[in-house]
Protein backbone atom coordinates (compact mmCIF):
# COMPACT_ATOMS: atom_id res chain seq x y z
CA UNK A 1 -0.25 -6.22 -10.30
CA UNK A 2 -3.02 -5.37 -7.59
CA UNK A 3 -5.58 -2.54 -8.23
CA UNK A 4 -8.27 -3.24 -5.79
CA UNK A 5 -8.13 -4.13 -2.11
CA UNK A 6 -10.65 -4.14 1.53
CA UNK A 7 -9.21 -1.76 3.71
CA UNK A 8 -9.66 -2.62 7.38
CA UNK A 9 -13.33 -2.32 8.64
CA UNK A 10 -13.18 -3.69 13.11
CA UNK A 11 -11.11 -0.19 14.46
CA UNK A 12 -9.71 -2.56 16.86
CA UNK A 13 -7.64 -4.38 14.68
CA UNK A 14 -5.47 -0.91 14.28
CA UNK A 15 -4.13 -1.24 17.96
CA UNK A 16 -4.94 -4.66 18.74
CA UNK A 17 -2.88 -5.85 15.10
CA UNK A 18 -0.58 -3.12 13.54
CA UNK A 19 0.21 -1.07 17.39
CA UNK A 20 -1.84 2.27 16.38
CA UNK A 21 -4.84 4.18 17.15
CA UNK A 22 -7.48 3.21 14.79
CA UNK A 23 -8.48 6.36 12.54
CA UNK A 24 -11.89 8.79 13.33
CA UNK A 25 -13.50 7.40 10.00
CA UNK A 26 -13.02 3.93 9.24
CA UNK A 27 -13.13 5.28 5.01
CA UNK A 28 -14.51 3.25 2.07
CA UNK A 29 -14.29 -0.75 2.24
CA UNK A 30 -12.88 -0.86 -1.27
CA UNK A 31 -10.86 1.01 -2.32
CA UNK A 32 -8.91 1.57 -5.84
CA UNK A 33 -6.27 4.27 -7.28
CA UNK A 34 -6.71 7.57 -5.94
CA UNK A 35 -9.26 6.92 -3.27
CA UNK A 36 -8.73 8.25 0.42
CA UNK A 37 -6.88 4.98 2.90
CA UNK A 38 -3.45 4.53 5.23
CA UNK A 39 -0.60 4.40 5.53
CA UNK A 40 1.65 3.62 8.96
CA UNK A 41 4.61 5.38 9.32
CA UNK A 42 7.40 5.75 11.67
CA UNK A 43 6.75 9.23 13.66
CA UNK A 44 7.34 12.22 11.91
CA UNK A 45 9.84 14.54 12.74
CA UNK A 46 8.13 18.13 13.97
CA UNK A 47 9.04 20.09 11.27
CA UNK A 48 7.93 17.15 8.57
CA UNK A 49 4.78 17.51 10.38
CA UNK A 50 4.23 20.97 10.75
CA UNK A 51 4.74 21.13 7.11
CA UNK A 52 1.79 18.20 6.16
CA UNK A 53 -0.37 20.63 8.70
CA UNK A 54 -0.18 17.87 11.97
CA UNK A 55 0.39 20.25 14.58
CA UNK A 56 3.65 18.75 14.85
CA UNK A 57 4.03 18.91 18.97
CA UNK A 58 7.32 18.46 19.85
CA UNK A 59 6.27 15.86 22.78
CA UNK A 60 4.00 13.77 20.84
CA UNK A 61 6.57 11.54 18.81
CA UNK A 62 9.46 10.30 21.37
CA UNK A 63 6.43 8.11 22.70
CA UNK A 64 4.51 6.92 19.99
CA UNK A 65 6.52 4.01 17.49
CA UNK A 66 3.96 4.16 15.09
CA UNK A 67 1.50 7.26 12.87
CA UNK A 68 -1.65 6.11 10.78
CA UNK A 69 -1.40 8.51 8.17
CA UNK A 70 -4.63 9.37 5.54
CA UNK A 71 -3.64 9.86 1.77
CA UNK A 72 -3.66 8.50 -1.57
CA UNK A 73 -3.07 5.03 -3.19
CA UNK A 74 -1.30 5.84 -5.91
CA UNK A 75 2.57 8.16 -5.66
CA UNK A 76 2.25 11.45 -6.72
CA UNK A 77 6.20 11.85 -7.08
CA UNK A 78 7.37 15.01 -5.25
CA UNK A 79 9.14 16.18 -8.47
CA UNK A 80 5.90 16.60 -10.23
CA UNK A 81 5.39 19.51 -11.38
CA UNK A 82 1.05 20.06 -11.02
CA UNK A 83 -1.40 17.91 -9.50
CA UNK A 84 -3.05 17.40 -12.35
CA UNK A 85 -0.02 15.91 -13.13
CA UNK A 86 -0.06 13.67 -10.50
CA UNK A 87 -3.23 12.96 -10.97
CA UNK A 88 -2.81 10.98 -14.19
CA UNK A 89 0.54 9.27 -13.49
CA UNK A 90 -1.43 8.13 -9.63
CA UNK A 91 -2.79 4.87 -11.45
CA UNK A 92 0.18 4.14 -12.79
CA UNK A 93 2.70 3.73 -9.52
CA UNK A 94 -0.18 2.37 -7.36
CA UNK A 95 2.78 -0.83 -7.33
CA UNK A 96 6.10 -0.85 -7.17
CA UNK A 97 8.22 -3.65 -7.77
CA UNK A 98 10.81 -4.72 -5.69
CA UNK A 99 13.58 -5.11 -8.30
CA UNK A 100 13.37 -1.86 -9.75
CA UNK A 101 11.80 -0.08 -5.89
CA UNK A 102 15.58 1.84 -5.40
CA UNK A 103 16.07 2.08 -8.92
CA UNK A 104 13.03 3.04 -10.77
CA UNK A 105 12.84 7.83 -11.25
CA UNK A 106 8.97 6.99 -9.55
CA UNK A 107 9.64 5.20 -6.35
CA UNK A 108 13.99 5.75 -6.04
CA UNK A 109 13.64 9.03 -3.98
CA UNK A 110 11.42 7.44 -1.40
CA UNK A 111 12.88 4.35 -1.08
CA UNK A 112 16.34 6.67 -0.48
CA UNK A 113 15.00 8.59 1.73
CA UNK A 114 13.42 5.83 3.69
CA UNK A 115 10.00 6.72 3.56
CA UNK A 116 8.86 3.51 3.61
CA UNK A 117 5.11 2.68 5.39
CA UNK A 118 2.96 -0.77 5.74
CA UNK A 119 -0.65 -0.54 4.06
CA UNK A 120 -3.01 -1.75 6.44
CA UNK A 121 -5.52 -4.23 4.70
CA UNK A 122 -7.98 -7.11 5.22
CA UNK A 123 -7.79 -8.86 1.23
CA UNK A 124 -6.59 -7.84 -1.81
CA UNK A 125 -8.08 -8.51 -5.44
CA UNK A 126 -6.57 -10.48 -8.37
CA UNK A 127 -8.23 -11.72 -11.87
CA UNK A 128 -8.63 -15.84 -12.34
CA UNK A 129 -9.11 -16.25 -16.07
CA UNK A 130 -8.44 -19.96 -15.63
CA UNK A 131 -12.22 -20.45 -16.78
CA UNK A 132 -11.68 -18.30 -20.31
CA UNK A 133 -11.39 -14.77 -21.47
CA UNK A 134 -13.54 -13.17 -19.04
CA UNK A 135 -11.78 -12.15 -15.64
CA UNK A 136 -12.94 -13.81 -12.66
CA UNK A 137 -11.82 -10.98 -9.57
CA UNK A 138 -10.55 -13.17 -6.87
CA UNK A 139 -10.53 -12.38 -2.54
CA UNK A 140 -7.20 -13.10 -1.44
CA UNK A 141 -6.86 -12.40 2.45
CA UNK A 142 -5.04 -14.37 5.12
CA UNK A 143 -6.51 -17.42 6.44
CA UNK A 144 -6.39 -16.87 10.29
CA UNK A 145 -8.37 -13.30 9.36
CA UNK A 146 -5.74 -11.34 10.51
CA UNK A 147 -4.46 -7.86 8.75
CA UNK A 148 -2.26 -8.08 6.40
CA UNK A 149 0.85 -5.60 6.42
CA UNK A 150 2.26 -4.86 3.54
CA UNK A 151 4.90 -3.03 2.43
CA UNK A 152 4.77 0.61 0.73
CA UNK A 153 6.17 3.83 -0.29
CA UNK A 154 4.78 7.50 0.59
CA UNK A 155 5.80 10.24 -1.03
CA UNK A 156 5.05 14.07 -0.29
CA UNK A 157 3.82 16.68 -2.89
CA UNK A 158 3.69 20.66 -2.67
CA UNK A 159 2.28 22.35 -4.82
CA UNK A 160 3.70 25.24 -5.69
CA UNK A 161 0.56 27.71 -3.56
CA UNK A 162 1.49 25.62 -0.80
CA UNK A 163 -1.07 22.50 -0.92
CA UNK A 164 0.44 19.15 0.07
CA UNK A 165 -0.62 15.92 -1.16
CA UNK A 166 0.26 12.45 0.91
CA UNK A 167 0.11 10.02 -1.63
CA UNK A 168 1.56 5.87 -1.03
CA UNK A 169 2.56 2.22 -3.48
CA UNK A 170 1.82 -1.08 -2.04
CA UNK A 171 5.13 -3.09 -2.86
CA UNK A 172 5.19 -5.54 -5.11
CA UNK A 173 7.45 -9.11 -5.39
CA UNK A 174 7.29 -11.88 -8.02
CA UNK A 175 5.01 -14.64 -7.70
CA UNK A 176 5.76 -16.51 -10.95
CA UNK A 177 6.59 -19.89 -8.41
CA UNK A 178 4.44 -18.77 -5.78
CA UNK A 179 2.33 -22.44 -5.12
CA UNK A 180 -1.59 -19.97 -4.85
CA UNK A 181 -0.49 -17.15 -6.88
CA UNK A 182 1.03 -17.88 -9.51
CA UNK A 183 -2.72 -18.68 -10.80
CA UNK A 184 -4.04 -15.30 -10.82
CA UNK A 185 -3.39 -12.08 -13.36
CA UNK A 186 -3.20 -11.88 -17.24
CA UNK A 187 -1.97 -15.34 -18.90
CA UNK A 188 1.64 -15.22 -20.06
CA UNK A 189 2.56 -11.64 -17.85
CA UNK A 190 4.99 -11.85 -15.05
CA UNK A 191 3.11 -13.13 -11.81
CA UNK A 192 3.25 -10.47 -8.76
CA UNK A 193 1.35 -9.76 -5.24
CA UNK A 194 2.45 -7.60 -2.40
CA UNK A 195 4.27 -7.83 -0.12
CA UNK A 196 3.19 -8.30 3.06
CA UNK A 197 5.19 -8.37 5.56
CA UNK A 198 5.34 -10.61 8.89
CA UNK A 199 3.94 -8.67 12.32
CA UNK A 200 7.41 -9.06 14.07
CA UNK A 201 9.61 -7.24 11.57
CA UNK A 202 7.09 -3.86 11.15
CA UNK A 203 9.31 -2.08 13.66
CA UNK A 204 12.30 -3.44 11.19
CA UNK A 205 11.10 -2.69 8.12
CA UNK A 206 10.82 1.26 8.53
CA UNK A 207 13.38 1.29 10.14
CA UNK A 208 15.86 -0.26 8.21
CA UNK A 209 18.82 1.59 6.04
CA UNK A 210 17.88 1.09 2.33
CA UNK A 211 20.69 -1.38 1.77
CA UNK A 212 18.88 -4.10 4.30
CA UNK A 213 15.78 -3.21 3.05
CA UNK A 214 15.30 -5.45 0.98
CA UNK A 215 15.72 -8.30 2.81
CA UNK A 216 12.29 -7.83 3.78
CA UNK A 217 10.52 -7.94 0.38
CA UNK A 218 9.86 -11.27 0.13
CA UNK A 219 6.66 -13.89 -0.66
CA UNK A 220 4.36 -14.67 1.78
CA UNK A 221 3.21 -18.18 2.60
CA UNK A 222 1.09 -20.10 0.27
CA UNK A 223 -1.08 -22.59 2.88
CA UNK A 224 -1.13 -18.75 5.06
CA UNK A 225 -3.87 -17.92 2.03
CA UNK A 226 -7.10 -18.10 1.39
CA UNK A 227 -8.25 -16.79 -2.72
CA UNK A 228 -12.16 -17.03 -2.64
CA UNK A 229 -13.92 -16.32 -6.07
CA UNK A 230 -16.78 -12.90 -6.06
CA UNK A 231 -19.05 -11.96 -8.20
CA UNK A 232 -21.03 -8.63 -6.68
CA UNK A 233 -20.72 -5.22 -7.79
CA UNK A 234 -18.70 -3.40 -4.91
CA UNK A 235 -16.00 -5.72 -6.16
CA UNK A 236 -16.06 -4.32 -9.93
CA UNK A 237 -14.30 -1.33 -10.44
CA UNK A 238 -16.21 1.82 -10.45
CA UNK A 239 -16.89 3.40 -13.80
CA UNK A 240 -14.75 6.46 -15.02
CA UNK A 241 -12.23 5.47 -11.82
CA UNK A 242 -9.18 6.11 -14.57
CA UNK A 243 -10.56 9.59 -15.75
């Protein structure tokens, strides 16, 4: 279960690798649940753009294949009654298992409504327990150093006072038999990994019908990933992140 990942810190990576303009501010490098990150989706309709406070320029969408959206990591379903309730749920909804994404209560509506997205990241972190009970954080990235586009789901919550919150979750796939990822996470637990998409499948994933979308959710080849143990303060979960 990935609860820590690294964002892109080079503006050029967004247009070159992901086909979207870079954000005005790159944001924090290390992301944990409830922090603000970015996701990529198909352009919103003018009506949705207005509702989300983006202006809704009807002439802008046709020329934009994808758009980059700032949002909270940790999905807040549209049916949550209050912002405080959503805040409590979010840390538990940072990942959606691929086999449950279309049926689990928290994710089902986003899946059926085609609210699929791509989460840009440079690396993700997993715990290595092979040397004993103390976890050793490990940074996992592509061998070629290129950005990863991870499959995700996004949601839009609106409070009774009109407050709007956009949020997202990563989609994970089972990695019990993955040559690299089976080494990580708690002993005896189901192993998982983010569903890293092939670059050529980005648009197809975003626009796929609900009954075809799961075909894109596969293990990423082990030989294309590299894992490096890390021991720095930045890689440890900040005190109080679950408060």
